């Protein structure tokens, strides 16, 4: 049931956006350009890099600790 409601909501949003675009209801400043990546992609890519760096630092620290104890 949830899946069908989400699909219906997505279709409604898509229809409203298309109709608004045809009637020039939205100014150019809020229309995304084709060349711009979505903002959530930029945010998640930065967060991913930071998490990977922290993870690698933790792994390296643990490896050093294990090697010094042996």
N, C-alpha and C. Protein backbone atom coordinates (compact mmCIF):
# COMPACT_ATOMS: atom_id res chain seq x y z
N UNK A 1 0.82 -1.20 0.00
CA UNK A 1 0.00 0.00 0.00
C UNK A 1 0.86 1.25 0.00
N UNK A 2 1.92 1.27 0.81
CA UNK A 2 2.78 2.44 0.86
C UNK A 2 3.44 2.70 -0.49
N UNK A 3 3.83 1.61 -1.15
CA UNK A 3 4.52 1.76 -2.42
C UNK A 3 3.62 2.44 -3.44
N UNK A 4 2.36 2.05 -3.50
CA UNK A 4 1.45 2.66 -4.46
C UNK A 4 1.18 4.12 -4.12
N UNK A 5 1.12 4.45 -2.83
CA UNK A 5 0.92 5.85 -2.45
C UNK A 5 2.13 6.69 -2.82
N UNK A 6 3.33 6.14 -2.62
CA UNK A 6 4.52 6.89 -2.99
C UNK A 6 4.60 7.09 -4.49
N UNK A 7 4.26 6.07 -5.25
CA UNK A 7 4.28 6.20 -6.70
C UNK A 7 3.26 7.24 -7.16
N UNK A 8 2.08 7.24 -6.53
CA UNK A 8 1.06 8.22 -6.89
C UNK A 8 1.53 9.63 -6.54
N UNK A 9 2.15 9.79 -5.38
CA UNK A 9 2.64 11.11 -4.98
C UNK A 9 3.74 11.57 -5.92
N UNK A 10 4.63 10.66 -6.31
CA UNK A 10 5.69 11.02 -7.25
C UNK A 10 5.12 11.46 -8.58
N UNK A 11 4.09 10.76 -9.04
CA UNK A 11 3.48 11.11 -10.33
C UNK A 11 2.79 12.46 -10.25
N UNK A 12 2.15 12.74 -9.12
CA UNK A 12 1.49 14.04 -8.95
C UNK A 12 2.52 15.16 -8.94
N UNK A 13 3.60 14.98 -8.21
CA UNK A 13 4.65 16.00 -8.15
C UNK A 13 5.25 16.21 -9.53
N UNK A 14 5.50 15.12 -10.25
CA UNK A 14 6.06 15.23 -11.60
C UNK A 14 5.10 15.97 -12.52
N UNK A 15 3.82 15.65 -12.44
CA UNK A 15 2.82 16.32 -13.27
C UNK A 15 2.75 17.81 -12.95
N UNK A 16 2.70 18.13 -11.66
CA UNK A 16 2.61 19.55 -11.28
C UNK A 16 3.85 20.32 -11.71
N UNK A 17 5.02 19.71 -11.58
CA UNK A 17 6.24 20.38 -12.00
C UNK A 17 6.24 20.62 -13.51
N UNK A 18 5.80 19.60 -14.27
CA UNK A 18 5.77 19.73 -15.73
C UNK A 18 4.77 20.80 -16.16
N UNK A 19 3.59 20.81 -15.55
CA UNK A 19 2.59 21.82 -15.89
C UNK A 19 3.07 23.22 -15.50
N UNK A 20 3.68 23.35 -14.34
CA UNK A 20 4.21 24.64 -13.93
C UNK A 20 5.32 25.12 -14.84
N UNK A 21 6.12 24.19 -15.32
CA UNK A 21 7.19 24.54 -16.24
C UNK A 21 6.63 25.00 -17.58
N UNK A 22 5.58 24.34 -18.05
CA UNK A 22 4.96 24.73 -19.33
C UNK A 22 4.36 26.13 -19.24
N UNK A 23 3.81 26.46 -18.08
CA UNK A 23 3.14 27.75 -17.90
C UNK A 23 4.07 28.82 -17.33
N UNK A 24 5.35 28.50 -17.21
CA UNK A 24 6.36 29.43 -16.70
C UNK A 24 6.01 29.97 -15.32
N UNK A 25 5.57 29.07 -14.43
CA UNK A 25 5.23 29.47 -13.07
C UNK A 25 6.45 29.61 -12.18
N UNK A 26 7.54 28.94 -12.55
CA UNK A 26 8.75 28.96 -11.73
C UNK A 26 9.81 29.83 -12.39
N UNK A 27 10.40 30.77 -11.65
CA UNK A 27 11.49 31.56 -12.23
C UNK A 27 12.73 30.69 -12.46
N UNK A 28 13.63 31.19 -13.29
CA UNK A 28 14.83 30.42 -13.63
C UNK A 28 15.71 30.14 -12.42
N UNK A 29 15.64 31.00 -11.40
CA UNK A 29 16.54 30.82 -10.26
C UNK A 29 16.23 29.56 -9.44
N UNK A 30 15.01 29.02 -9.53
CA UNK A 30 14.72 27.80 -8.77
C UNK A 30 14.70 26.55 -9.63
N UNK A 31 14.89 26.70 -10.92
CA UNK A 31 14.96 25.52 -11.78
C UNK A 31 16.38 24.97 -11.76
N UNK A 32 16.54 23.69 -11.52
CA UNK A 32 17.89 23.13 -11.53
C UNK A 32 18.43 23.06 -12.95
N UNK A 33 19.68 23.38 -13.10
CA UNK A 33 20.33 23.27 -14.41
C UNK A 33 20.72 21.83 -14.65
N UNK A 34 20.82 21.45 -15.92
CA UNK A 34 21.21 20.08 -16.24
C UNK A 34 22.65 19.80 -15.83
N UNK A 35 23.48 20.83 -15.79
CA UNK A 35 24.89 20.62 -15.49
C UNK A 35 25.18 20.54 -13.99
N UNK A 36 24.23 20.93 -13.15
CA UNK A 36 24.46 20.93 -11.70
C UNK A 36 24.16 19.56 -11.11
N UNK A 37 25.05 19.04 -10.28
CA UNK A 37 24.71 17.80 -9.59
C UNK A 37 23.69 18.10 -8.49
N UNK A 38 22.87 17.14 -8.12
CA UNK A 38 21.92 17.39 -7.05
C UNK A 38 22.64 17.72 -5.74
N UNK A 39 22.10 18.63 -4.93
CA UNK A 39 22.79 19.03 -3.70
C UNK A 39 23.01 17.89 -2.72
N UNK A 40 22.09 16.92 -2.65
CA UNK A 40 22.29 15.82 -1.70
C UNK A 40 23.48 14.97 -2.10
N UNK A 41 23.79 14.91 -3.40
CA UNK A 41 24.96 14.15 -3.84
C UNK A 41 26.23 14.81 -3.33
N UNK A 42 26.28 16.14 -3.42
CA UNK A 42 27.46 16.86 -2.94
C UNK A 42 27.63 16.67 -1.44
N UNK A 43 26.54 16.71 -0.69
CA UNK A 43 26.61 16.55 0.76
C UNK A 43 27.07 15.15 1.12
N UNK A 44 26.48 14.14 0.49
CA UNK A 44 26.81 12.77 0.87
C UNK A 44 28.22 12.40 0.43
N UNK A 45 28.69 12.97 -0.68
CA UNK A 45 30.05 12.63 -1.10
C UNK A 45 31.07 13.20 -0.11
N UNK A 46 30.84 14.39 0.41
CA UNK A 46 31.74 14.96 1.41
C UNK A 46 31.69 14.19 2.71
N UNK A 47 30.50 13.81 3.13
CA UNK A 47 30.36 13.03 4.36
C UNK A 47 31.00 11.67 4.21
N UNK A 48 30.86 11.09 3.03
CA UNK A 48 31.45 9.76 2.79
C UNK A 48 32.97 9.82 2.91
N UNK A 49 33.57 10.86 2.34
CA UNK A 49 35.03 11.00 2.41
C UNK A 49 35.50 11.14 3.85
N UNK A 50 34.77 11.93 4.64
CA UNK A 50 35.15 12.13 6.04
C UNK A 50 35.02 10.83 6.84
N UNK A 51 33.96 10.09 6.59
CA UNK A 51 33.75 8.82 7.30
C UNK A 51 34.84 7.83 6.92
N UNK A 52 35.17 7.76 5.63
CA UNK A 52 36.23 6.84 5.20
C UNK A 52 37.57 7.21 5.82
N UNK A 53 37.87 8.51 5.90
CA UNK A 53 39.14 8.94 6.50
C UNK A 53 39.18 8.58 7.98
N UNK A 54 38.08 8.81 8.68
CA UNK A 54 38.03 8.47 10.11
C UNK A 54 38.14 6.96 10.31
N UNK A 55 37.48 6.21 9.45
CA UNK A 55 37.53 4.75 9.55
C UNK A 55 38.95 4.23 9.32
N UNK A 56 39.61 4.76 8.29
CA UNK A 56 40.98 4.32 8.00
C UNK A 56 41.92 4.71 9.13
N UNK A 57 41.73 5.88 9.73
CA UNK A 57 42.57 6.29 10.85
C UNK A 57 42.37 5.35 12.04
N UNK A 58 41.13 4.97 12.29
CA UNK A 58 40.84 4.05 13.40
C UNK A 58 41.46 2.68 13.14
N UNK A 59 41.37 2.21 11.90
CA UNK A 59 41.95 0.91 11.56
C UNK A 59 43.47 0.95 11.71
N UNK A 60 44.09 2.01 11.21
CA UNK A 60 45.55 2.13 11.32
C UNK A 60 45.99 2.20 12.78
N UNK A 61 45.23 2.91 13.60
CA UNK A 61 45.56 3.02 15.02
C UNK A 61 45.46 1.65 15.69
N UNK A 62 44.43 0.89 15.34
CA UNK A 62 44.24 -0.45 15.91
C UNK A 62 45.35 -1.39 15.45
N UNK A 63 45.75 -1.31 14.20
CA UNK A 63 46.83 -2.16 13.69
C UNK A 63 48.13 -1.86 14.43
N UNK A 64 48.41 -0.57 14.63
CA UNK A 64 49.63 -0.19 15.36
C UNK A 64 49.59 -0.71 16.80
N UNK A 65 48.42 -0.64 17.43
CA UNK A 65 48.29 -1.10 18.81
C UNK A 65 48.52 -2.60 18.89
N UNK A 66 47.95 -3.34 17.96
CA UNK A 66 48.11 -4.80 17.96
C UNK A 66 49.57 -5.17 17.71
N UNK A 67 50.21 -4.49 16.77
CA UNK A 67 51.60 -4.82 16.44
C UNK A 67 52.55 -4.49 17.59
N UNK A 68 52.28 -3.43 18.33
CA UNK A 68 53.17 -3.07 19.43
C UNK A 68 52.99 -4.00 20.63
N UNK A 69 51.81 -4.58 20.78
CA UNK A 69 51.57 -5.50 21.89
C UNK A 69 52.22 -6.86 21.63
N UNK A 70 52.39 -7.22 20.39
CA UNK A 70 52.94 -8.54 20.05
C UNK A 70 54.39 -8.54 20.20
